[in-house]
N, C-alpha and C. Protein backbone atom coordinates (compact mmCIF):
# COMPACT_ATOMS: atom_id res chain seq x y z
N UNK A 1 -43.51 49.17 19.78
CA UNK A 1 -44.87 48.98 19.83
C UNK A 1 -45.50 48.65 21.30
N UNK A 2 -46.71 49.05 21.33
CA UNK A 2 -47.10 48.80 22.78
C UNK A 2 -47.97 47.52 22.83
N UNK A 3 -48.35 47.17 23.75
CA UNK A 3 -49.20 45.96 23.83
C UNK A 3 -50.43 46.33 25.01
N UNK A 4 -51.80 46.26 24.46
CA UNK A 4 -52.95 46.38 25.12
C UNK A 4 -53.01 45.08 26.25
N UNK A 5 -53.78 45.19 27.04
CA UNK A 5 -54.03 44.33 28.13
C UNK A 5 -54.54 42.74 27.53
N UNK A 6 -55.14 42.78 26.35
CA UNK A 6 -55.37 41.53 25.55
C UNK A 6 -54.11 40.92 24.95
N UNK A 7 -53.08 41.75 24.89
CA UNK A 7 -51.98 41.12 24.16
C UNK A 7 -51.73 41.62 23.10
N UNK A 8 -52.67 42.43 22.25
CA UNK A 8 -52.60 42.58 20.76
C UNK A 8 -51.67 44.03 20.88
N UNK A 9 -50.76 43.93 19.83
CA UNK A 9 -49.83 45.05 19.51
C UNK A 9 -50.62 45.96 18.65
N UNK A 10 -50.22 47.40 18.71
CA UNK A 10 -50.79 48.38 17.97
C UNK A 10 -50.88 48.56 16.90
N UNK A 11 -50.03 47.83 16.15
CA UNK A 11 -49.85 47.67 14.53
C UNK A 11 -50.73 46.34 14.30
N UNK A 12 -51.09 45.33 15.13
CA UNK A 12 -52.10 44.34 14.94
C UNK A 12 -53.44 44.76 15.01
N UNK A 13 -53.78 45.72 15.49
CA UNK A 13 -55.07 46.35 16.05
C UNK A 13 -55.88 47.10 14.75
N UNK A 14 -56.92 46.38 13.92
CA UNK A 14 -57.48 46.97 13.06
C UNK A 14 -58.65 47.68 13.30
N UNK A 15 -59.01 48.14 14.52
CA UNK A 15 -59.53 49.38 14.95
C UNK A 15 -59.00 50.47 15.25
N UNK A 16 -57.37 50.46 15.07
CA UNK A 16 -56.77 51.55 15.65
C UNK A 16 -56.82 52.76 14.27
N UNK A 17 -57.15 53.93 14.67
CA UNK A 17 -56.94 55.00 13.73
C UNK A 17 -55.49 56.03 13.98
N UNK A 18 -54.81 56.22 13.14
CA UNK A 18 -53.43 56.95 13.03
C UNK A 18 -53.95 58.40 12.68
N UNK A 19 -53.59 59.27 13.76
CA UNK A 19 -53.68 60.79 13.27
C UNK A 19 -52.62 61.22 13.07
N UNK A 20 -53.10 62.15 12.25
CA UNK A 20 -51.88 63.36 11.81
C UNK A 20 -52.39 64.31 11.17
N UNK A 21 -51.71 65.13 10.41
CA UNK A 21 -52.33 66.56 9.65
C UNK A 21 -52.55 66.28 8.19
N UNK A 22 -54.02 66.57 7.89
CA UNK A 22 -54.72 66.63 6.73
C UNK A 22 -53.78 67.43 5.95
N UNK A 23 -52.93 67.10 4.80
CA UNK A 23 -52.14 68.20 4.07
C UNK A 23 -52.58 68.23 2.70
N UNK A 24 -53.10 67.07 2.41
CA UNK A 24 -53.75 67.12 1.11
C UNK A 24 -54.83 66.55 0.59
N UNK A 25 -56.06 66.90 0.57
CA UNK A 25 -57.44 66.44 0.51
C UNK A 25 -57.62 65.25 -0.25
N UNK A 26 -58.60 64.39 0.16
CA UNK A 26 -59.12 63.19 -0.39
C UNK A 26 -58.92 62.09 0.34
N UNK A 27 -59.50 60.96 -0.39
CA UNK A 27 -59.57 59.83 0.53
C UNK A 27 -59.28 58.67 -0.65
N UNK A 28 -58.64 57.67 -0.16
CA UNK A 28 -57.92 56.52 -1.24
C UNK A 28 -57.68 55.26 -0.27
N UNK A 29 -57.78 54.09 -0.95
CA UNK A 29 -57.38 53.21 -0.16
C UNK A 29 -55.97 52.22 -0.93
N UNK A 30 -55.39 51.67 -0.48
CA UNK A 30 -54.44 50.85 -1.35
C UNK A 30 -53.34 50.13 -0.17
N UNK A 31 -52.46 49.42 -0.67
CA UNK A 31 -51.41 48.61 0.16
C UNK A 31 -50.47 49.67 0.54
N UNK A 32 -49.95 49.59 1.67
CA UNK A 32 -49.00 50.41 2.48
C UNK A 32 -47.54 49.87 1.87
N UNK A 33 -46.56 50.75 1.50
CA UNK A 33 -45.40 50.34 1.03
C UNK A 33 -44.29 51.26 2.12
N UNK A 34 -43.79 50.84 2.87
CA UNK A 34 -42.88 51.43 3.71
C UNK A 34 -41.71 51.54 3.09
N UNK A 35 -41.12 52.94 3.11
CA UNK A 35 -39.69 53.23 2.27
C UNK A 35 -38.85 53.98 3.31
N UNK A 36 -37.72 53.55 3.41
CA UNK A 36 -36.83 54.02 4.46
C UNK A 36 -35.64 55.03 3.73
N UNK A 37 -35.34 54.78 2.55
CA UNK A 37 -34.43 55.49 1.71
C UNK A 37 -34.69 55.20 0.24
N UNK A 38 -33.68 56.07 -0.26
CA UNK A 38 -33.76 56.25 -1.95
C UNK A 38 -33.69 54.51 -2.46
N UNK A 39 -32.75 53.76 -1.87
CA UNK A 39 -32.34 52.33 -2.24
C UNK A 39 -33.70 51.71 -2.43
N UNK A 40 -34.91 51.99 -1.68
CA UNK A 40 -36.02 51.29 -1.57
C UNK A 40 -37.00 51.71 -2.57
N UNK A 41 -36.85 53.01 -3.45
CA UNK A 41 -37.88 53.34 -4.42
C UNK A 41 -38.09 52.45 -5.33
N UNK A 42 -37.50 51.40 -5.91
CA UNK A 42 -37.89 50.75 -6.90
C UNK A 42 -39.06 49.77 -6.57
N UNK A 43 -39.36 49.51 -5.11
CA UNK A 43 -40.20 48.75 -4.67
C UNK A 43 -41.79 49.36 -4.68
N UNK A 44 -41.78 50.52 -5.01
CA UNK A 44 -43.12 51.51 -4.83
C UNK A 44 -43.82 51.27 -6.04
N UNK A 45 -44.90 50.48 -6.08
CA UNK A 45 -45.69 50.34 -7.19
C UNK A 45 -46.88 51.34 -7.55
N UNK A 46 -47.62 51.42 -8.62
CA UNK A 46 -48.79 52.37 -8.59
C UNK A 46 -49.59 51.83 -7.90
N UNK A 47 -50.28 52.82 -6.97
CA UNK A 47 -51.51 52.53 -6.38
C UNK A 47 -50.90 52.47 -4.88
N UNK A 48 -49.88 52.11 -4.50
CA UNK A 48 -48.99 52.16 -2.87
C UNK A 48 -49.20 53.52 -2.24
N UNK A 49 -49.32 53.07 -0.98
CA UNK A 49 -49.80 53.97 -0.17
C UNK A 49 -48.18 54.24 0.45
N UNK A 50 -47.43 55.45 0.05
CA UNK A 50 -46.19 55.55 0.38
C UNK A 50 -45.95 56.05 1.74
N UNK A 51 -45.21 55.14 2.73
CA UNK A 51 -45.02 55.57 4.23
C UNK A 51 -43.88 55.77 4.36
N UNK A 52 -43.48 56.99 4.98
CA UNK A 52 -42.00 57.15 5.08
C UNK A 52 -41.79 58.33 6.15
N UNK A 53 -40.49 58.60 6.58
CA UNK A 53 -40.09 59.57 7.66
C UNK A 53 -40.25 60.97 6.89
N UNK A 54 -40.10 61.23 6.13
CA UNK A 54 -39.96 62.63 5.16
C UNK A 54 -39.85 62.45 4.07
N UNK A 55 -39.84 63.46 3.12
CA UNK A 55 -39.45 63.52 1.83
C UNK A 55 -38.84 64.87 1.46
N UNK A 56 -38.13 64.82 0.50
CA UNK A 56 -37.24 65.99 -0.33
C UNK A 56 -37.46 65.82 -1.84
N UNK A 57 -36.78 66.68 -2.17
CA UNK A 57 -36.68 66.88 -3.87
C UNK A 57 -36.73 65.32 -4.67
N UNK A 58 -35.58 64.56 -4.18
CA UNK A 58 -35.39 63.25 -4.57
C UNK A 58 -36.67 62.19 -4.67
N UNK A 59 -37.38 62.37 -3.95
CA UNK A 59 -38.74 61.52 -3.81
C UNK A 59 -39.87 61.87 -4.63
N UNK A 60 -39.70 63.11 -5.13
CA UNK A 60 -40.80 63.54 -6.00
C UNK A 60 -41.19 62.66 -7.08
N UNK A 61 -40.56 61.97 -7.66
CA UNK A 61 -41.04 61.07 -8.78
C UNK A 61 -41.69 59.82 -8.33
N UNK A 62 -41.60 59.61 -6.69
CA UNK A 62 -42.97 58.39 -6.16
C UNK A 62 -44.18 59.38 -5.94
N UNK A 63 -44.14 60.39 -6.06
CA UNK A 63 -45.51 61.05 -6.03
C UNK A 63 -46.38 60.68 -7.66
N UNK A 64 -45.88 60.56 -8.16
CA UNK A 64 -46.35 60.07 -9.37
C UNK A 64 -46.91 58.67 -9.61
N UNK A 65 -46.57 58.14 -8.58
CA UNK A 65 -46.63 56.44 -8.85
C UNK A 65 -47.60 55.99 -7.43
N UNK A 66 -47.25 56.77 -6.33
CA UNK A 66 -48.26 56.57 -5.12
C UNK A 66 -49.69 57.02 -4.98
N UNK A 67 -50.46 56.37 -4.68
CA UNK A 67 -51.96 56.80 -4.35
C UNK A 67 -52.09 57.61 -3.30
N UNK A 68 -51.08 57.74 -2.03
CA UNK A 68 -51.34 58.75 -1.07
C UNK A 68 -50.09 58.78 -0.46
N UNK A 69 -49.64 59.61 0.48
CA UNK A 69 -48.35 59.74 1.24
C UNK A 69 -48.86 59.97 2.74
N UNK A 70 -48.19 59.15 3.58
CA UNK A 70 -48.09 59.04 4.99
C UNK A 70 -46.74 59.43 5.56
N UNK A 71 -46.61 60.57 6.34
CA UNK A 71 -44.96 60.59 6.78
C UNK A 71 -45.28 60.94 8.35
N UNK A 72 -44.08 60.77 8.89
CA UNK A 72 -43.94 60.71 10.29
C UNK A 72 -43.53 62.36 10.73
N UNK A 73 -43.34 63.05 9.53
CA UNK A 73 -42.93 64.80 9.99
C UNK A 73 -43.45 65.59 9.06
N UNK A 74 -42.97 66.70 9.13
CA UNK A 74 -43.94 67.36 8.23
C UNK A 74 -44.97 68.38 8.65
N UNK A 75 -45.43 69.55 7.79
CA UNK A 75 -46.63 70.28 7.82
C UNK A 75 -47.01 71.02 6.61
N UNK A 76 -47.92 71.65 6.68
CA UNK A 76 -48.66 71.99 5.53
C UNK A 76 -47.73 72.89 4.44
N UNK A 77 -46.74 73.37 4.90
CA UNK A 77 -45.34 73.77 3.86
C UNK A 77 -44.41 72.97 3.69
N UNK A 78 -44.49 71.70 4.12
CA UNK A 78 -43.43 70.83 3.88
C UNK A 78 -43.17 69.97 2.40
N UNK A 79 -42.27 69.57 1.85
CA UNK A 79 -42.10 69.18 0.48
C UNK A 79 -42.91 68.24 0.29
N UNK A 80 -43.37 67.32 1.17
CA UNK A 80 -44.28 66.05 1.06
C UNK A 80 -45.86 66.80 0.90
N UNK A 81 -46.22 67.92 1.46
CA UNK A 81 -47.35 68.28 1.72
C UNK A 81 -47.70 69.06 0.07
N UNK A 82 -46.79 69.95 -0.11
CA UNK A 82 -46.78 70.81 -1.28
C UNK A 82 -46.79 69.78 -2.66
N UNK A 83 -46.00 68.76 -2.59
CA UNK A 83 -45.87 68.03 -3.94
C UNK A 83 -47.13 66.92 -4.04
N UNK A 84 -47.53 66.42 -2.56
CA UNK A 84 -48.91 65.94 -2.89
C UNK A 84 -50.16 66.48 -3.41
N UNK A 85 -50.17 67.74 -2.96
CA UNK A 85 -51.18 68.65 -3.65
C UNK A 85 -50.91 69.06 -5.11
N UNK A 86 -49.73 69.33 -5.51
CA UNK A 86 -49.51 69.36 -7.02
C UNK A 86 -49.94 67.84 -7.68
N UNK A 87 -49.86 67.13 -7.16
CA UNK A 87 -50.03 65.40 -7.96
C UNK A 87 -51.46 65.20 -7.55
N UNK A 88 -52.23 65.97 -6.90
CA UNK A 88 -53.44 65.51 -6.50
C UNK A 88 -53.99 64.41 -5.72
N UNK A 89 -52.59 63.89 -4.73
CA UNK A 89 -52.91 62.75 -3.98
C UNK A 89 -53.04 63.19 -2.44
N UNK A 90 -53.92 62.21 -1.75
CA UNK A 90 -54.09 62.68 -0.29
C UNK A 90 -52.66 62.42 0.28
N UNK A 91 -52.56 63.43 1.68
CA UNK A 91 -51.20 63.22 2.32
C UNK A 91 -51.59 63.48 3.71
N UNK A 92 -51.06 62.58 4.81
CA UNK A 92 -51.34 62.68 6.11
C UNK A 92 -50.13 62.93 6.81
N UNK A 93 -49.65 63.79 7.15
CA UNK A 93 -48.02 64.06 7.75
C UNK A 93 -48.12 64.18 9.35
N UNK A 94 -46.85 63.72 9.85
CA UNK A 94 -46.68 64.08 11.05
C UNK A 94 -47.64 62.85 11.94
N UNK A 95 -47.46 61.62 11.12
CA UNK A 95 -48.22 60.29 11.95
C UNK A 95 -47.08 59.90 12.98
N UNK A 96 -46.97 60.06 13.92
CA UNK A 96 -45.99 59.29 15.06
C UNK A 96 -45.72 58.00 14.73
N UNK A 97 -44.49 57.41 14.70
CA UNK A 97 -43.93 56.21 14.38
C UNK A 97 -44.74 55.45 13.21
N UNK A 98 -45.09 56.08 12.26
CA UNK A 98 -45.75 55.46 11.10
C UNK A 98 -44.92 54.11 10.54
N UNK A 99 -43.63 54.41 10.34
CA UNK A 99 -42.75 53.38 9.97
C UNK A 99 -42.68 52.11 10.67
N UNK A 100 -42.80 52.33 11.98
CA UNK A 100 -43.02 51.14 12.68
C UNK A 100 -43.99 50.61 13.06
N UNK A 101 -45.24 51.36 13.04
CA UNK A 101 -46.62 51.04 13.11
C UNK A 101 -47.34 50.48 11.94
N UNK A 102 -46.90 50.86 10.69
CA UNK A 102 -47.85 50.11 9.58
C UNK A 102 -46.65 49.33 8.82
N UNK A 103 -47.20 48.12 8.38
CA UNK A 103 -46.45 47.04 7.89
C UNK A 103 -46.64 47.40 6.44
N UNK A 104 -45.65 46.92 5.53
CA UNK A 104 -45.86 46.72 3.83
C UNK A 104 -46.73 45.81 3.68
N UNK A 105 -47.81 45.88 2.78
CA UNK A 105 -48.74 45.18 2.41
C UNK A 105 -50.07 45.55 2.89
N UNK A 106 -50.11 46.07 4.18
CA UNK A 106 -51.33 46.19 4.82
C UNK A 106 -52.12 47.32 3.98
N UNK A 107 -53.20 47.05 3.70
CA UNK A 107 -54.63 47.70 2.85
C UNK A 107 -54.61 48.87 4.16
N UNK A 108 -54.61 50.19 3.58
CA UNK A 108 -54.87 51.17 4.19
C UNK A 108 -55.79 52.22 3.37
N UNK A 109 -56.79 53.06 4.46
CA UNK A 109 -57.58 53.88 3.97
C UNK A 109 -56.98 54.97 4.52
N UNK A 110 -56.53 56.33 3.54
CA UNK A 110 -55.81 57.32 3.86
C UNK A 110 -56.91 58.54 3.49
N UNK A 111 -56.97 59.19 4.53
CA UNK A 111 -58.25 60.59 4.53
C UNK A 111 -57.22 61.67 4.45
N UNK A 112 -56.84 62.25 3.62
CA UNK A 112 -56.11 63.50 3.67
C UNK A 112 -56.99 64.61 4.05
N UNK A 113 -58.30 64.57 4.15
CA UNK A 113 -58.94 65.78 4.44
C UNK A 113 -59.25 65.97 5.83
N UNK A 114 -59.53 64.46 6.67
CA UNK A 114 -59.45 64.59 8.18
C UNK A 114 -58.02 64.29 8.90
N UNK A 115 -56.96 63.60 8.10
CA UNK A 115 -55.68 63.48 8.47
C UNK A 115 -55.85 62.26 9.35
N UNK A 116 -56.55 60.91 8.81
CA UNK A 116 -56.61 59.72 9.32
C UNK A 116 -55.80 58.87 8.51
N UNK A 117 -55.59 58.01 9.18
CA UNK A 117 -54.85 56.69 8.34
C UNK A 117 -55.52 55.00 9.22
N UNK A 118 -56.24 54.36 8.53
CA UNK A 118 -56.71 53.32 9.27
C UNK A 118 -56.70 52.06 8.27
N UNK A 119 -56.55 50.74 9.12
CA UNK A 119 -56.43 49.41 8.24
C UNK A 119 -57.69 49.28 7.77
N UNK A 120 -57.52 49.11 6.43
CA UNK A 120 -59.16 48.54 5.69
C UNK A 120 -59.12 47.34 5.68
N UNK A 121 -60.09 46.75 6.56
CA UNK A 121 -60.52 45.41 6.53
C UNK A 121 -61.08 44.83 5.48
N UNK A 122 -60.68 43.55 5.06
CA UNK A 122 -60.97 42.92 3.83
C UNK A 122 -61.37 41.56 4.17
N UNK A 123 -62.61 41.28 3.73
CA UNK A 123 -63.07 39.94 3.92
C UNK A 123 -62.77 38.96 2.68
N UNK A 124 -62.43 37.46 3.14
CA UNK A 124 -62.05 36.89 1.92
C UNK A 124 -63.07 36.61 0.79
N UNK A 125 -62.87 36.79 -0.26
CA UNK A 125 -63.81 36.72 -1.49
C UNK A 125 -64.54 37.90 -1.67
N UNK A 126 -64.26 38.99 -0.94
CA UNK A 126 -65.06 40.35 -0.88
C UNK A 126 -64.07 41.34 -1.84
N UNK A 127 -64.76 41.98 -2.68
CA UNK A 127 -63.79 42.56 -3.66
C UNK A 127 -63.43 44.07 -2.86
N UNK A 128 -61.94 44.29 -3.23
CA UNK A 128 -61.20 45.43 -2.55
C UNK A 128 -61.39 46.64 -3.02
């Protein structure tokens, strides 16, 4: 993580927009769930935004649970892109260092049409 002159790390900046390739259209908001391996699959809950390095066929069941997927690698013909389109969920791929820049539990807005991922600001007492 880099630090700006004010001492704020990139992962803590609410105004940062992470860019990638929009690989499946749509926009959703939900809590981030970082997943590094198959062992972490049970932690994914309905409506989570799946954050991972890449996916393969073993990851397919998560697409039925997740609201969106964000990967560090992949393109329009990658497993994540194809399966996200099949399940009708937004996907943003090729987001550099997504696993280290996004923390589990952070509310994200994923725009699979524009290829953007941003932290969604929430105000205390406001509906999410």
